[in-house]
Amino acid sequence: MLGFIISTIAFSIAVYALNRHFDAQSRDSSQSRKILIMSLATAFSIGVGWVVDKLDGDADRPHPSVATVVQSGDPIQVIKLLAGMN
């Protein structure tokens, strides 16, 4: 959860910084510029989330396989798996 919160904040900061950078270069505000900013900010956010997970220890935790969760029949585990909260 911590990785999600920090990566969301990092995404907003990256969008702001990239917009300021491209505005300083006097580039037109076109659709391709918006897609580029969104793509770069998303990549940055994913990287920040990965680093936070590594530092927090969540990335090293073993995650159950989909087959194991479905065969267990536990609806709470299935919901956690679908939500990505394992």
C-alpha atoms as a PDB file:
ATOM      1  CA  MET A   1       0.000   0.000   0.000  1.00  0.00           C
ATOM      2  CA  LEU A   2       2.892   2.315   0.775  1.00  0.00           C
ATOM      3  CA  GLY A   3       4.286   1.755  -2.713  1.00  0.00           C
ATOM      4  CA  PHE A   4       0.949   2.688  -4.266  1.00  0.00           C
ATOM      5  CA  ILE A   5       0.701   5.937  -2.323  1.00  0.00           C
ATOM      6  CA  ILE A   6       4.285   7.011  -2.991  1.00  0.00           C
ATOM      7  CA  SER A   7       4.133   6.050  -6.677  1.00  0.00           C
ATOM      8  CA  THR A   8       0.918   8.077  -7.071  1.00  0.00           C
ATOM      9  CA  ILE A   9       2.650  11.106  -5.574  1.00  0.00           C
ATOM     10  CA  ALA A  10       5.696  10.468  -7.792  1.00  0.00           C
ATOM     11  CA  PHE A  11       3.438  10.340 -10.863  1.00  0.00           C
ATOM     12  CA  SER A  12       1.947  13.749 -10.044  1.00  0.00           C
ATOM     13  CA  ILE A  13       5.371  15.271  -9.444  1.00  0.00           C
ATOM     14  CA  ALA A  14       6.714  13.795 -12.682  1.00  0.00           C
ATOM     15  CA  VAL A  15       3.795  15.171 -14.719  1.00  0.00           C
ATOM     16  CA  TYR A  16       4.299  18.615 -13.193  1.00  0.00           C
ATOM     17  CA  ALA A  17       8.071  18.576 -13.796  1.00  0.00           C
ATOM     18  CA  LEU A  18       7.759  17.328 -17.376  1.00  0.00           C
ATOM     19  CA  ASN A  19       5.108  19.927 -18.201  1.00  0.00           C
ATOM     20  CA  ARG A  20       7.363  22.669 -16.842  1.00  0.00           C
ATOM     21  CA  HIS A  21      10.336  21.285 -18.789  1.00  0.00           C
ATOM     22  CA  PHE A  22       8.464  21.182 -22.085  1.00  0.00           C
ATOM     23  CA  ASP A  23       6.927  24.610 -21.459  1.00  0.00           C
ATOM     24  CA  ALA A  24      10.437  26.028 -20.972  1.00  0.00           C
ATOM     25  CA  GLN A  25      11.389  24.621 -24.363  1.00  0.00           C
ATOM     26  CA  SER A  26       8.409  26.410 -25.961  1.00  0.00           C
ATOM     27  CA  ARG A  27       6.982  23.217 -27.354  1.00  0.00           C
ATOM     28  CA  ASP A  28       3.410  23.160 -28.589  1.00  0.00           C
ATOM     29  CA  SER A  29       0.851  21.563 -26.318  1.00  0.00           C
ATOM     30  CA  SER A  30      -0.171  18.790 -28.672  1.00  0.00           C
ATOM     31  CA  GLN A  31      -1.700  15.370 -28.134  1.00  0.00           C
ATOM     32  CA  SER A  32       1.635  13.643 -28.771  1.00  0.00           C
ATOM     33  CA  ARG A  33       3.277  15.772 -26.053  1.00  0.00           C
ATOM     34  CA  LYS A  34       0.565  14.767 -23.588  1.00  0.00           C
ATOM     35  CA  ILE A  35       1.015  11.093 -24.446  1.00  0.00           C
ATOM     36  CA  LEU A  36       4.790  11.415 -24.057  1.00  0.00           C
ATOM     37  CA  ILE A  37       4.428  13.077 -20.657  1.00  0.00           C
ATOM     38  CA  MET A  38       1.929  10.450 -19.508  1.00  0.00           C
ATOM     39  CA  SER A  39       4.184   7.608 -20.677  1.00  0.00           C
ATOM     40  CA  LEU A  40       7.316   9.005 -19.026  1.00  0.00           C
ATOM     41  CA  ALA A  41       5.480   9.772 -15.784  1.00  0.00           C
ATOM     42  CA  THR A  42       3.994   6.275 -15.732  1.00  0.00           C
ATOM     43  CA  ALA A  43       7.416   4.673 -16.227  1.00  0.00           C
ATOM     44  CA  PHE A  44       8.851   6.852 -13.460  1.00  0.00           C
ATOM     45  CA  SER A  45       5.963   5.976 -11.147  1.00  0.00           C
ATOM     46  CA  ILE A  46       6.387   2.242 -11.768  1.00  0.00           C
ATOM     47  CA  GLY A  47      10.089   2.527 -11.003  1.00  0.00           C
ATOM     48  CA  VAL A  48       9.451   4.420  -7.774  1.00  0.00           C
ATOM     49  CA  GLY A  49       6.842   1.859  -6.720  1.00  0.00           C
ATOM     50  CA  TRP A  50       9.280  -0.981  -7.405  1.00  0.00           C
ATOM     51  CA  VAL A  51      12.009   0.702  -5.343  1.00  0.00           C
ATOM     52  CA  VAL A  52       9.610   1.259  -2.443  1.00  0.00           C
ATOM     53  CA  ASP A  53       8.520  -2.389  -2.582  1.00  0.00           C
ATOM     54  CA  LYS A  54      12.147  -3.512  -2.557  1.00  0.00           C
ATOM     55  CA  LEU A  55      12.997  -1.276   0.400  1.00  0.00           C
ATOM     56  CA  ASP A  56       9.802  -2.214   2.251  1.00  0.00           C
ATOM     57  CA  GLY A  57      10.380  -5.943   1.754  1.00  0.00           C
ATOM     58  CA  ASP A  58       7.104  -6.631  -0.066  1.00  0.00           C
ATOM     59  CA  ALA A  59       8.900  -7.735  -3.219  1.00  0.00           C
ATOM     60  CA  ASP A  60      10.698 -10.551  -1.378  1.00  0.00           C
ATOM     61  CA  ARG A  61       7.541 -12.039   0.122  1.00  0.00           C
ATOM     62  CA  PRO A  62       6.349 -15.231  -1.595  1.00  0.00           C
ATOM     63  CA  HIS A  63       3.033 -14.773  -3.347  1.00  0.00           C
ATOM     64  CA  PRO A  64       0.604 -17.675  -3.775  1.00  0.00           C
ATOM     65  CA  SER A  65      -0.110 -18.837  -7.283  1.00  0.00           C
ATOM     66  CA  VAL A  66      -3.467 -18.228  -8.918  1.00  0.00           C
ATOM     67  CA  ALA A  67      -4.182 -21.962  -9.072  1.00  0.00           C
ATOM     68  CA  THR A  68      -3.543 -22.378  -5.329  1.00  0.00           C
ATOM     69  CA  VAL A  69      -5.871 -19.513  -4.418  1.00  0.00           C
ATOM     70  CA  VAL A  70      -8.666 -20.696  -6.728  1.00  0.00           C
ATOM     71  CA  GLN A  71      -8.405 -24.296  -5.503  1.00  0.00           C
ATOM     72  CA  SER A  72      -8.542 -23.165  -1.874  1.00  0.00           C
ATOM     73  CA  GLY A  73     -12.028 -21.758  -2.444  1.00  0.00           C
ATOM     74  CA  ASP A  74     -11.483 -18.957   0.073  1.00  0.00           C
ATOM     75  CA  PRO A  75     -13.393 -15.940  -1.295  1.00  0.00           C
ATOM     76  CA  ILE A  76     -11.282 -13.472   0.718  1.00  0.00           C
ATOM     77  CA  GLN A  77      -8.064 -14.794  -0.832  1.00  0.00           C
ATOM     78  CA  VAL A  78      -9.609 -14.649  -4.316  1.00  0.00           C
ATOM     79  CA  ILE A  79     -10.644 -11.005  -3.792  1.00  0.00           C
ATOM     80  CA  LYS A  80      -7.160 -10.144  -2.499  1.00  0.00           C
ATOM     81  CA  LEU A  81      -5.621 -11.823  -5.539  1.00  0.00           C
ATOM     82  CA  LEU A  82      -7.887  -9.910  -7.927  1.00  0.00           C
ATOM     83  CA  ALA A  83      -7.160  -6.638  -6.149  1.00  0.00           C
ATOM     84  CA  GLY A  84      -3.419  -7.296  -6.133  1.00  0.00           C
ATOM     85  CA  MET A  85      -3.146  -7.084  -2.358  1.00  0.00           C
ATOM     86  CA  ASN A  86      -1.381 -10.392  -1.668  1.00  0.00           C
END
